[in-house]
Amino acid sequence: MTPKQQGRFEKRQYWEDQIQKWQESGLNQTTYCKLHQIDRHGFVYWKKRLSTERSATSLVEVSLNRLSHEDNLSLSPLRLLIGKRYRIEVEKGFDAATLHHLIYILEGR
């Protein structure tokens, strides 16, 4: 990851963390921003940006507890398609942070 990409990733992570903490705080946006000395316009921008990105992604919950141990041994890798350009296969024991970085880079953010 280049320094520029790392900076973007850290900035995005910062705002994701702040928005999550705000949601957990029960405070309104203005109060939260004042208490934490956060630029309110930046907060509103990132809240909208992250919300838009999340709404473009749909997640489906998959329950694996009904599978037997033998079934788990024969599972195919998870296949993740990003647009029409990328296909990622995730094997058992993958590193979630690495996958997150990879998706972030592929999305060009």
PDB file of N, CA and C in Angstrom:
ATOM      1  N   MET A   1       0.853  -1.167   0.000  1.00  0.00           N
ATOM      2  CA  MET A   1       0.000   0.000   0.000  1.00  0.00           C
ATOM      3  C   MET A   1       0.900   1.232   0.000  1.00  0.00           C
ATOM      4  N   THR A   2       0.607   2.172  -0.885  1.00  0.00           N
ATOM      5  CA  THR A   2       1.413   3.387  -0.949  1.00  0.00           C
ATOM      6  C   THR A   2       1.080   4.280   0.239  1.00  0.00           C
ATOM      7  N   PRO A   3       1.972   5.238   0.560  1.00  0.00           N
ATOM      8  CA  PRO A   3       1.671   6.160   1.661  1.00  0.00           C
ATOM      9  C   PRO A   3       0.363   6.924   1.451  1.00  0.00           C
ATOM     10  N   LYS A   4       0.077   7.280   0.193  1.00  0.00           N
ATOM     11  CA  LYS A   4      -1.168   8.006  -0.095  1.00  0.00           C
ATOM     12  C   LYS A   4      -2.383   7.126   0.191  1.00  0.00           C
ATOM     13  N   GLN A   5      -2.325   5.867  -0.245  1.00  0.00           N
ATOM     14  CA  GLN A   5      -3.423   4.935   0.017  1.00  0.00           C
ATOM     15  C   GLN A   5      -3.566   4.678   1.505  1.00  0.00           C
ATOM     16  N   GLN A   6      -2.436   4.558   2.201  1.00  0.00           N
ATOM     17  CA  GLN A   6      -2.471   4.344   3.651  1.00  0.00           C
ATOM     18  C   GLN A   6      -3.132   5.528   4.341  1.00  0.00           C
ATOM     19  N   GLY A   7      -2.794   6.746   3.889  1.00  0.00           N
ATOM     20  CA  GLY A   7      -3.405   7.947   4.458  1.00  0.00           C
ATOM     21  C   GLY A   7      -4.910   7.975   4.257  1.00  0.00           C
ATOM     22  N   ARG A   8      -5.339   7.594   3.056  1.00  0.00           N
ATOM     23  CA  ARG A   8      -6.783   7.547   2.768  1.00  0.00           C
ATOM     24  C   ARG A   8      -7.474   6.511   3.649  1.00  0.00           C
ATOM     25  N   PHE A   9      -6.823   5.357   3.780  1.00  0.00           N
ATOM     26  CA  PHE A   9      -7.393   4.293   4.605  1.00  0.00           C
ATOM     27  C   PHE A   9      -7.527   4.754   6.052  1.00  0.00           C
ATOM     28  N   GLU A  10      -6.485   5.404   6.574  1.00  0.00           N
ATOM     29  CA  GLU A  10      -6.511   5.878   7.966  1.00  0.00           C
ATOM     30  C   GLU A  10      -7.580   6.946   8.164  1.00  0.00           C
ATOM     31  N   LYS A  11      -7.731   7.838   7.190  1.00  0.00           N
ATOM     32  CA  LYS A  11      -8.752   8.884   7.274  1.00  0.00           C
ATOM     33  C   LYS A  11     -10.149   8.265   7.295  1.00  0.00           C
ATOM     34  N   ARG A  12     -10.361   7.315   6.394  1.00  0.00           N
ATOM     35  CA  ARG A  12     -11.654   6.638   6.337  1.00  0.00           C
ATOM     36  C   ARG A  12     -11.923   5.902   7.648  1.00  0.00           C
ATOM     37  N   GLN A  13     -10.921   5.206   8.165  1.00  0.00           N
ATOM     38  CA  GLN A  13     -11.057   4.460   9.413  1.00  0.00           C
ATOM     39  C   GLN A  13     -11.386   5.408  10.565  1.00  0.00           C
ATOM     40  N   TYR A  14     -10.728   6.567  10.588  1.00  0.00           N
ATOM     41  CA  TYR A  14     -10.987   7.574  11.626  1.00  0.00           C
ATOM     42  C   TYR A  14     -12.465   7.971  11.621  1.00  0.00           C
ATOM     43  N   TRP A  15     -12.994   8.285  10.432  1.00  0.00           N
ATOM     44  CA  TRP A  15     -14.379   8.722  10.353  1.00  0.00           C
ATOM     45  C   TRP A  15     -15.352   7.581  10.632  1.00  0.00           C
ATOM     46  N   GLU A  16     -15.039   6.374  10.215  1.00  0.00           N
ATOM     47  CA  GLU A  16     -15.896   5.233  10.565  1.00  0.00           C
ATOM     48  C   GLU A  16     -15.962   5.068  12.077  1.00  0.00           C
ATOM     49  N   ASP A  17     -14.813   5.190  12.735  1.00  0.00           N
ATOM     50  CA  ASP A  17     -14.765   5.077  14.201  1.00  0.00           C
ATOM     51  C   ASP A  17     -15.563   6.185  14.869  1.00  0.00           C
ATOM     52  N   GLN A  18     -15.401   7.425  14.395  1.00  0.00           N
ATOM     53  CA  GLN A  18     -16.116   8.558  14.994  1.00  0.00           C
ATOM     54  C   GLN A  18     -17.625   8.398  14.832  1.00  0.00           C
ATOM     55  N   ILE A  19     -18.064   7.978  13.672  1.00  0.00           N
ATOM     56  CA  ILE A  19     -19.506   7.817  13.434  1.00  0.00           C
ATOM     57  C   ILE A  19     -20.062   6.693  14.290  1.00  0.00           C
ATOM     58  N   GLN A  20     -19.318   5.621  14.437  1.00  0.00           N
ATOM     59  CA  GLN A  20     -19.773   4.522  15.297  1.00  0.00           C
ATOM     60  C   GLN A  20     -19.855   4.993  16.751  1.00  0.00           C
ATOM     61  N   LYS A  21     -18.849   5.714  17.218  1.00  0.00           N
ATOM     62  CA  LYS A  21     -18.862   6.217  18.600  1.00  0.00           C
ATOM     63  C   LYS A  21     -20.021   7.192  18.804  1.00  0.00           C
ATOM     64  N   TRP A  22     -20.287   8.039  17.785  1.00  0.00           N
ATOM     65  CA  TRP A  22     -21.418   8.965  17.883  1.00  0.00           C
ATOM     66  C   TRP A  22     -22.727   8.192  18.012  1.00  0.00           C
ATOM     67  N   GLN A  23     -22.902   7.158  17.177  1.00  0.00           N
ATOM     68  CA  GLN A  23     -24.140   6.370  17.222  1.00  0.00           C
ATOM     69  C   GLN A  23     -24.318   5.711  18.585  1.00  0.00           C
ATOM     70  N   GLU A  24     -23.233   5.245  19.167  1.00  0.00           N
ATOM     71  CA  GLU A  24     -23.295   4.591  20.476  1.00  0.00           C
ATOM     72  C   GLU A  24     -23.497   5.596  21.613  1.00  0.00           C
ATOM     73  N   SER A  25     -23.143   6.866  21.373  1.00  0.00           N
ATOM     74  CA  SER A  25     -23.200   7.866  22.440  1.00  0.00           C
ATOM     75  C   SER A  25     -24.617   8.316  22.788  1.00  0.00           C
ATOM     76  N   GLY A  26     -25.521   8.260  21.816  1.00  0.00           N
ATOM     77  CA  GLY A  26     -26.876   8.751  22.050  1.00  0.00           C
ATOM     78  C   GLY A  26     -26.987  10.271  21.957  1.00  0.00           C
ATOM     79  N   LEU A  27     -25.882  10.947  21.646  1.00  0.00           N
ATOM     80  CA  LEU A  27     -25.882  12.406  21.518  1.00  0.00           C
ATOM     81  C   LEU A  27     -26.295  12.807  20.110  1.00  0.00           C
ATOM     82  N   ASN A  28     -26.759  14.076  19.975  1.00  0.00           N
ATOM     83  CA  ASN A  28     -27.002  14.546  18.623  1.00  0.00           C
ATOM     84  C   ASN A  28     -25.648  14.899  17.991  1.00  0.00           C
ATOM     85  N   GLN A  29     -25.629  15.055  16.684  1.00  0.00           N
ATOM     86  CA  GLN A  29     -24.366  15.268  15.965  1.00  0.00           C
ATOM     87  C   GLN A  29     -23.628  16.522  16.427  1.00  0.00           C
ATOM     88  N   THR A  30     -24.344  17.598  16.590  1.00  0.00           N
ATOM     89  CA  THR A  30     -23.714  18.859  16.977  1.00  0.00           C
ATOM     90  C   THR A  30     -23.034  18.739  18.329  1.00  0.00           C
ATOM     91  N   THR A  31     -23.715  18.186  19.297  1.00  0.00           N
ATOM     92  CA  THR A  31     -23.150  18.019  20.639  1.00  0.00           C
ATOM     93  C   THR A  31     -21.941  17.102  20.607  1.00  0.00           C
ATOM     94  N   TYR A  32     -22.059  15.980  19.908  1.00  0.00           N
ATOM     95  CA  TYR A  32     -20.940  15.040  19.820  1.00  0.00           C
ATOM     96  C   TYR A  32     -19.709  15.726  19.213  1.00  0.00           C
ATOM     97  N   CYS A  33     -19.918  16.455  18.126  1.00  0.00           N
ATOM     98  CA  CYS A  33     -18.801  17.131  17.459  1.00  0.00           C
ATOM     99  C   CYS A  33     -18.158  18.171  18.372  1.00  0.00           C
ATOM    100  N   LYS A  34     -18.972  18.926  19.099  1.00  0.00           N
ATOM    101  CA  LYS A  34     -18.419  19.931  20.020  1.00  0.00           C
ATOM    102  C   LYS A  34     -17.611  19.268  21.128  1.00  0.00           C
ATOM    103  N   LEU A  35     -18.158  18.213  21.723  1.00  0.00           N
ATOM    104  CA  LEU A  35     -17.473  17.527  22.825  1.00  0.00           C
ATOM    105  C   LEU A  35     -16.144  16.913  22.403  1.00  0.00           C
ATOM    106  N   HIS A  36     -16.068  16.458  21.162  1.00  0.00           N
ATOM    107  CA  HIS A  36     -14.862  15.782  20.683  1.00  0.00           C
ATOM    108  C   HIS A  36     -14.018  16.661  19.761  1.00  0.00           C
ATOM    109  N   GLN A  37     -14.381  17.929  19.669  1.00  0.00           N
ATOM    110  CA  GLN A  37     -13.647  18.907  18.856  1.00  0.00           C
ATOM    111  C   GLN A  37     -13.464  18.404  17.416  1.00  0.00           C
ATOM    112  N   ILE A  38     -14.578  18.005  16.838  1.00  0.00           N
ATOM    113  CA  ILE A  38     -14.605  17.487  15.470  1.00  0.00           C
ATOM    114  C   ILE A  38     -15.316  18.497  14.582  1.00  0.00           C
ATOM    115  N   ASP A  39     -14.772  18.706  13.379  1.00  0.00           N
ATOM    116  CA  ASP A  39     -15.416  19.589  12.410  1.00  0.00           C
ATOM    117  C   ASP A  39     -16.765  18.999  12.014  1.00  0.00           C
ATOM    118  N   ARG A  40     -17.838  19.732  12.293  1.00  0.00           N
ATOM    119  CA  ARG A  40     -19.177  19.218  12.044  1.00  0.00           C
ATOM    120  C   ARG A  40     -19.442  18.998  10.561  1.00  0.00           C
ATOM    121  N   HIS A  41     -18.940  19.898   9.701  1.00  0.00           N
ATOM    122  CA  HIS A  41     -19.153  19.727   8.260  1.00  0.00           C
ATOM    123  C   HIS A  41     -18.442  18.467   7.745  1.00  0.00           C
ATOM    124  N   GLY A  42     -17.253  18.216   8.236  1.00  0.00           N
ATOM    125  CA  GLY A  42     -16.536  16.996   7.872  1.00  0.00           C
ATOM    126  C   GLY A  42     -17.291  15.763   8.348  1.00  0.00           C
ATOM    127  N   PHE A  43     -17.835  15.852   9.561  1.00  0.00           N
ATOM    128  CA  PHE A  43     -18.606  14.742  10.125  1.00  0.00           C
ATOM    129  C   PHE A  43     -19.815  14.427   9.241  1.00  0.00           C
ATOM    130  N   VAL A  44     -20.560  15.469   8.872  1.00  0.00           N
ATOM    131  CA  VAL A  44     -21.761  15.285   8.044  1.00  0.00           C
ATOM    132  C   VAL A  44     -21.376  14.708   6.676  1.00  0.00           C
ATOM    133  N   TYR A  45     -20.292  15.216   6.086  1.00  0.00           N
ATOM    134  CA  TYR A  45     -19.830  14.727   4.792  1.00  0.00           C
ATOM    135  C   TYR A  45     -19.507  13.231   4.861  1.00  0.00           C
ATOM    136  N   TRP A  46     -18.697  12.842   5.853  1.00  0.00           N
ATOM    137  CA  TRP A  46     -18.286  11.442   5.955  1.00  0.00           C
ATOM    138  C   TRP A  46     -19.451  10.535   6.346  1.00  0.00           C
ATOM    139  N   LYS A  47     -20.338  11.020   7.157  1.00  0.00           N
ATOM    140  CA  LYS A  47     -21.513  10.220   7.528  1.00  0.00           C
ATOM    141  C   LYS A  47     -22.327   9.904   6.282  1.00  0.00           C
ATOM    142  N   LYS A  48     -22.546  10.899   5.447  1.00  0.00           N
ATOM    143  CA  LYS A  48     -23.305  10.687   4.219  1.00  0.00           C
ATOM    144  C   LYS A  48     -22.532   9.786   3.254  1.00  0.00           C
ATOM    145  N   ARG A  49     -21.246  10.029   3.089  1.00  0.00           N
ATOM    146  CA  ARG A  49     -20.424   9.233   2.171  1.00  0.00           C
ATOM    147  C   ARG A  49     -20.413   7.761   2.572  1.00  0.00           C
ATOM    148  N   LEU A  50     -20.175   7.497   3.850  1.00  0.00           N
ATOM    149  CA  LEU A  50     -20.115   6.109   4.314  1.00  0.00           C
ATOM    150  C   LEU A  50     -21.482   5.451   4.250  1.00  0.00           C
ATOM    151  N   SER A  51     -22.527   6.208   4.530  1.00  0.00           N
ATOM    152  CA  SER A  51     -23.888   5.683   4.472  1.00  0.00           C
ATOM    153  C   SER A  51     -24.252   5.301   3.042  1.00  0.00           C
ATOM    154  N   THR A  52     -23.877   6.140   2.086  1.00  0.00           N
ATOM    155  CA  THR A  52     -24.151   5.870   0.674  1.00  0.00           C
ATOM    156  C   THR A  52     -23.416   4.622   0.221  1.00  0.00           C
ATOM    157  N   GLU A  53     -22.161   4.484   0.641  1.00  0.00           N
ATOM    158  CA  GLU A  53     -21.376   3.312   0.258  1.00  0.00           C
ATOM    159  C   GLU A  53     -21.978   2.047   0.840  1.00  0.00           C
ATOM    160  N   ARG A  54     -22.428   2.117   2.079  1.00  0.00           N
ATOM    161  CA  ARG A  54     -23.014   0.931   2.718  1.00  0.00           C
ATOM    162  C   ARG A  54     -24.324   0.538   2.063  1.00  0.00           C
ATOM    163  N   SER A  55     -25.123   1.537   1.655  1.00  0.00           N
ATOM    164  CA  SER A  55     -26.412   1.213   1.053  1.00  0.00           C
ATOM    165  C   SER A  55     -26.235   0.590  -0.324  1.00  0.00           C
ATOM    166  N   ALA A  56     -25.086   0.808  -0.960  1.00  0.00           N
ATOM    167  CA  ALA A  56     -24.819   0.201  -2.263  1.00  0.00           C
ATOM    168  C   ALA A  56     -24.404  -1.265  -2.110  1.00  0.00           C
ATOM    169  N   THR A  57     -24.114  -1.677  -0.896  1.00  0.00           N
ATOM    170  CA  THR A  57     -23.695  -3.044  -0.625  1.00  0.00           C
ATOM    171  C   THR A  57     -24.816  -3.764   0.100  1.00  0.00           C
ATOM    172  N   SER A  58     -25.115  -4.946  -0.342  1.00  0.00           N
ATOM    173  CA  SER A  58     -26.127  -5.708   0.382  1.00  0.00           C
ATOM    174  C   SER A  58     -25.466  -6.947   0.971  1.00  0.00           C
ATOM    175  N   LEU A  59     -25.786  -7.210   2.205  1.00  0.00           N
ATOM    176  CA  LEU A  59     -25.232  -8.355   2.904  1.00  0.00           C
ATOM    177  C   LEU A  59     -26.335  -9.364   3.164  1.00  0.00           C
ATOM    178  N   VAL A  60     -25.976 -10.602   3.087  1.00  0.00           N
ATOM    179  CA  VAL A  60     -26.916 -11.677   3.357  1.00  0.00           C
ATOM    180  C   VAL A  60     -26.327 -12.528   4.474  1.00  0.00           C
ATOM    181  N   GLU A  61     -27.099 -12.717   5.539  1.00  0.00           N
ATOM    182  CA  GLU A  61     -26.629 -13.531   6.647  1.00  0.00           C
ATOM    183  C   GLU A  61     -26.664 -15.004   6.253  1.00  0.00           C
ATOM    184  N   VAL A  62     -25.584 -15.683   6.532  1.00  0.00           N
ATOM    185  CA  VAL A  62     -25.489 -17.099   6.217  1.00  0.00           C
ATOM    186  C   VAL A  62     -25.219 -17.849   7.503  1.00  0.00           C
ATOM    187  N   SER A  63     -26.069 -18.805   7.803  1.00  0.00           N
ATOM    188  CA  SER A  63     -25.905 -19.587   9.013  1.00  0.00           C
ATOM    189  C   SER A  63     -25.213 -20.892   8.665  1.00  0.00           C
ATOM    190  N   LEU A  64     -24.096 -21.166   9.339  1.00  0.00           N
ATOM    191  CA  LEU A  64     -23.363 -22.401   9.091  1.00  0.00           C
ATOM    192  C   LEU A  64     -23.585 -23.434  10.184  1.00  0.00           C
ATOM    193  N   ASN A  65     -24.330 -23.095  11.244  1.00  0.00           N
ATOM    194  CA  ASN A  65     -24.470 -24.035  12.355  1.00  0.00           C
ATOM    195  C   ASN A  65     -25.266 -25.282  11.977  1.00  0.00           C
ATOM    196  N   ARG A  66     -25.995 -25.269  10.882  1.00  0.00           N
ATOM    197  CA  ARG A  66     -26.760 -26.447  10.499  1.00  0.00           C
ATOM    198  C   ARG A  66     -25.924 -27.459   9.726  1.00  0.00           C
ATOM    199  N   LEU A  67     -24.721 -27.085   9.357  1.00  0.00           N
ATOM    200  CA  LEU A  67     -23.869 -27.997   8.607  1.00  0.00           C
ATOM    201  C   LEU A  67     -23.167 -28.959   9.555  1.00  0.00           C
ATOM    202  N   SER A  68     -22.985 -30.163   9.086  1.00  0.00           N
ATOM    203  CA  SER A  68     -22.247 -31.136   9.891  1.00  0.00           C
ATOM    204  C   SER A  68     -20.759 -30.883   9.744  1.00  0.00           C
ATOM    205  N   HIS A  69     -19.971 -31.487  10.603  1.00  0.00           N
ATOM    206  CA  HIS A  69     -18.519 -31.338  10.549  1.00  0.00           C
ATOM    207  C   HIS A  69     -17.977 -31.800   9.197  1.00  0.00           C
ATOM    208  N   GLU A  70     -18.521 -32.873   8.645  1.00  0.00           N
ATOM    209  CA  GLU A  70     -18.068 -33.385   7.357  1.00  0.00           C
ATOM    210  C   GLU A  70     -18.364 -32.373   6.245  1.00  0.00           C
ATOM    211  N   ASP A  71     -19.532 -31.724   6.328  1.00  0.00           N
ATOM    212  CA  ASP A  71     -19.879 -30.717   5.322  1.00  0.00           C
ATOM    213  C   ASP A  71     -18.898 -29.557   5.365  1.00  0.00           C
ATOM    214  N   ASN A  72     -18.476 -29.161   6.572  1.00  0.00           N
ATOM    215  CA  ASN A  72     -17.541 -28.051   6.706  1.00  0.00           C
ATOM    216  C   ASN A  72     -16.206 -28.348   6.037  1.00  0.00           C
ATOM    217  N   LEU A  73     -15.803 -29.598   6.027  1.00  0.00           N
ATOM    218  CA  LEU A  73     -14.519 -29.969   5.438  1.00  0.00           C
ATOM    219  C   LEU A  73     -14.531 -29.849   3.921  1.00  0.00           C
ATOM    220  N   SER A  74     -15.707 -29.960   3.310  1.00  0.00           N
ATOM    221  CA  SER A  74     -15.778 -29.940   1.855  1.00  0.00           C
ATOM    222  C   SER A  74     -16.290 -28.613   1.295  1.00  0.00           C
ATOM    223  N   LEU A  75     -16.411 -27.589   2.115  1.00  0.00           N
ATOM    224  CA  LEU A  75     -16.916 -26.309   1.638  1.00  0.00           C
ATOM    225  C   LEU A  75     -15.979 -25.712   0.601  1.00  0.00           C
ATOM    226  N   SER A  76     -16.555 -25.137  -0.427  1.00  0.00           N
ATOM    227  CA  SER A  76     -15.766 -24.411  -1.428  1.00  0.00           C
ATOM    228  C   SER A  76     -15.347 -23.078  -0.831  1.00  0.00           C
ATOM    229  N   PRO A  77     -14.324 -22.458  -1.407  1.00  0.00           N
ATOM    230  CA  PRO A  77     -13.941 -21.136  -0.904  1.00  0.00           C
ATOM    231  C   PRO A  77     -15.052 -20.122  -1.177  1.00  0.00           C
ATOM    232  N   LEU A  78     -15.090 -19.094  -0.383  1.00  0.00           N
ATOM    233  CA  LEU A  78     -16.023 -17.986  -0.588  1.00  0.00           C
ATOM    234  C   LEU A  78     -15.564 -17.225  -1.818  1.00  0.00           C
ATOM    235  N   ARG A  79     -16.470 -16.941  -2.718  1.00  0.00           N
ATOM    236  CA  ARG A  79     -16.135 -16.169  -3.911  1.00  0.00           C
ATOM    237  C   ARG A  79     -16.790 -14.805  -3.793  1.00  0.00           C
ATOM    238  N   LEU A  80     -15.976 -13.768  -3.882  1.00  0.00           N
ATOM    239  CA  LEU A  80     -16.434 -12.397  -3.729  1.00  0.00           C
ATOM    240  C   LEU A  80     -16.234 -11.682  -5.053  1.00  0.00           C
ATOM    241  N   LEU A  81     -17.335 -11.158  -5.615  1.00  0.00           N
ATOM    242  CA  LEU A  81     -17.250 -10.426  -6.868  1.00  0.00           C
ATOM    243  C   LEU A  81     -17.418  -8.947  -6.578  1.00  0.00           C
ATOM    244  N   ILE A  82     -16.511  -8.136  -7.108  1.00  0.00           N
ATOM    245  CA  ILE A  82     -16.595  -6.683  -6.956  1.00  0.00           C
ATOM    246  C   ILE A  82     -16.768  -6.115  -8.353  1.00  0.00           C
ATOM    247  N   GLY A  83     -17.982  -5.665  -8.619  1.00  0.00           N
ATOM    248  CA  GLY A  83     -18.284  -5.202  -9.966  1.00  0.00           C
ATOM    249  C   GLY A  83     -18.103  -6.345 -10.947  1.00  0.00           C
ATOM    250  N   LYS A  84     -17.663  -6.019 -12.139  1.00  0.00           N
ATOM    251  CA  LYS A  84     -17.421  -7.048 -13.146  1.00  0.00           C
ATOM    252  C   LYS A  84     -15.934  -7.282 -13.354  1.00  0.00           C
ATOM    253  N   ARG A  85     -15.102  -6.544 -12.583  1.00  0.00           N
ATOM    254  CA  ARG A  85     -13.666  -6.604 -12.820  1.00  0.00           C
ATOM    255  C   ARG A  85     -12.909  -7.551 -11.907  1.00  0.00           C
ATOM    256  N   TYR A  86     -13.389  -7.764 -10.678  1.00  0.00           N
ATOM    257  CA  TYR A  86     -12.589  -8.488  -9.704  1.00  0.00           C
ATOM    258  C   TYR A  86     -13.346  -9.681  -9.131  1.00  0.00           C
ATOM    259  N   ARG A  87     -12.603 -10.738  -8.922  1.00  0.00           N
ATOM    260  CA  ARG A  87     -13.130 -11.934  -8.266  1.00  0.00           C
ATOM    261  C   ARG A  87     -12.091 -12.373  -7.240  1.00  0.00           C
ATOM    262  N   ILE A  88     -12.510 -12.496  -6.001  1.00  0.00           N
ATOM    263  CA  ILE A  88     -11.613 -12.885  -4.918  1.00  0.00           C
ATOM    264  C   ILE A  88     -12.136 -14.171  -4.311  1.00  0.00           C
ATOM    265  N   GLU A  89     -11.260 -15.138  -4.130  1.00  0.00           N
ATOM    266  CA  GLU A  89     -11.635 -16.370  -3.452  1.00  0.00           C
ATOM    267  C   GLU A  89     -10.998 -16.370  -2.073  1.00  0.00           C
ATOM    268  N   VAL A  90     -11.825 -16.557  -1.065  1.00  0.00           N
ATOM    269  CA  VAL A  90     -11.371 -16.509   0.320  1.00  0.00           C
ATOM    270  C   VAL A  90     -11.399 -17.917   0.895  1.00  0.00           C
ATOM    271  N   GLU A  91     -10.250 -18.395   1.288  1.00  0.00           N
ATOM    272  CA  GLU A  91     -10.124 -19.737   1.853  1.00  0.00           C
ATOM    273  C   GLU A  91     -10.312 -19.688   3.372  1.00  0.00           C
ATOM    274  N   LYS A  92     -10.502 -20.851   3.957  1.00  0.00           N
ATOM    275  CA  LYS A  92     -10.611 -20.982   5.406  1.00  0.00           C
ATOM    276  C   LYS A  92      -9.342 -20.414   6.061  1.00  0.00           C
ATOM    277  N   GLY A  93      -9.514 -19.665   7.134  1.00  0.00           N
ATOM    278  CA  GLY A  93      -8.380 -19.113   7.873  1.00  0.00           C
ATOM    279  C   GLY A  93      -7.855 -17.811   7.297  1.00  0.00           C
ATOM    280  N   PHE A  94      -8.631 -17.137   6.433  1.00  0.00           N
ATOM    281  CA  PHE A  94      -8.166 -15.882   5.848  1.00  0.00           C
ATOM    282  C   PHE A  94      -8.001 -14.800   6.911  1.00  0.00           C
ATOM    283  N   ASP A  95      -7.219 -13.788   6.573  1.00  0.00           N
ATOM    284  CA  ASP A  95      -7.006 -12.649   7.464  1.00  0.00           C
ATOM    285  C   ASP A  95      -7.982 -11.537   7.069  1.00  0.00           C
ATOM    286  N   ALA A  96      -8.914 -11.204   7.949  1.00  0.00           N
ATOM    287  CA  ALA A  96      -9.968 -10.230   7.637  1.00  0.00           C
ATOM    288  C   ALA A  96      -9.396  -8.849   7.332  1.00  0.00           C
ATOM    289  N   ALA A  97      -8.353  -8.433   8.033  1.00  0.00           N
ATOM    290  CA  ALA A  97      -7.772  -7.111   7.800  1.00  0.00           C
ATOM    291  C   ALA A  97      -7.179  -7.018   6.395  1.00  0.00           C
ATOM    292  N   THR A  98      -6.529  -8.084   5.961  1.00  0.00           N
ATOM    293  CA  THR A  98      -5.945  -8.097   4.617  1.00  0.00           C
ATOM    294  C   THR A  98      -7.045  -8.025   3.564  1.00  0.00           C
ATOM    295  N   LEU A  99      -8.124  -8.764   3.769  1.00  0.00           N
ATOM    296  CA  LEU A  99      -9.250  -8.717   2.836  1.00  0.00           C
ATOM    297  C   LEU A  99      -9.841  -7.312   2.791  1.00  0.00           C
ATOM    298  N   HIS A 100      -9.985  -6.676   3.931  1.00  0.00           N
ATOM    299  CA  HIS A 100     -10.527  -5.316   3.996  1.00  0.00           C
ATOM    300  C   HIS A 100      -9.636  -4.358   3.210  1.00  0.00           C
ATOM    301  N   HIS A 101      -8.319  -4.445   3.406  1.00  0.00           N
ATOM    302  CA  HIS A 101      -7.374  -3.593   2.668  1.00  0.00           C
ATOM    303  C   HIS A 101      -7.488  -3.833   1.169  1.00  0.00           C
ATOM    304  N   LEU A 102      -7.578  -5.079   0.775  1.00  0.00           N
ATOM    305  CA  LEU A 102      -7.659  -5.425  -0.639  1.00  0.00           C
ATOM    306  C   LEU A 102      -8.917  -4.839  -1.277  1.00  0.00           C
ATOM    307  N   ILE A 103     -10.041  -4.983  -0.635  1.00  0.00           N
ATOM    308  CA  ILE A 103     -11.296  -4.441  -1.168  1.00  0.00           C
ATOM    309  C   ILE A 103     -11.211  -2.925  -1.255  1.00  0.00           C
ATOM    310  N   TYR A 104     -10.654  -2.314  -0.236  1.00  0.00           N
ATOM    311  CA  TYR A 104     -10.492  -0.858  -0.207  1.00  0.00           C
ATOM    312  C   TYR A 104      -9.671  -0.391  -1.412  1.00  0.00           C
ATOM    313  N   ILE A 105      -8.576  -1.071  -1.685  1.00  0.00           N
ATOM    314  CA  ILE A 105      -7.710  -0.714  -2.798  1.00  0.00           C
ATOM    315  C   ILE A 105      -8.418  -0.942  -4.132  1.00  0.00           C
ATOM    316  N   LEU A 106      -9.099  -2.060  -4.280  1.00  0.00           N
ATOM    317  CA  LEU A 106      -9.781  -2.370  -5.528  1.00  0.00           C
ATOM    318  C   LEU A 106     -10.902  -1.385  -5.826  1.00  0.00           C
ATOM    319  N   GLU A 107     -11.541  -0.867  -4.796  1.00  0.00           N
ATOM    320  CA  GLU A 107     -12.608   0.113  -5.009  1.00  0.00           C
ATOM    321  C   GLU A 107     -12.047   1.486  -5.346  1.00  0.00           C
ATOM    322  N   GLY A 108     -10.729   1.636  -5.228  1.00  0.00           N
ATOM    323  CA  GLY A 108     -10.081   2.902  -5.589  1.00  0.00           C
ATOM    324  C   GLY A 108     -10.380   4.028  -4.633  1.00  0.00           C
ATOM    325  N   ARG A 109     -10.460   3.712  -3.352  1.00  0.00           N
ATOM    326  CA  ARG A 109     -10.794   4.745  -2.361  1.00  0.00           C
ATOM    327  C   ARG A 109      -9.583   5.126  -1.569  1.00  0.00           C
TER     328      ARG A 109
END
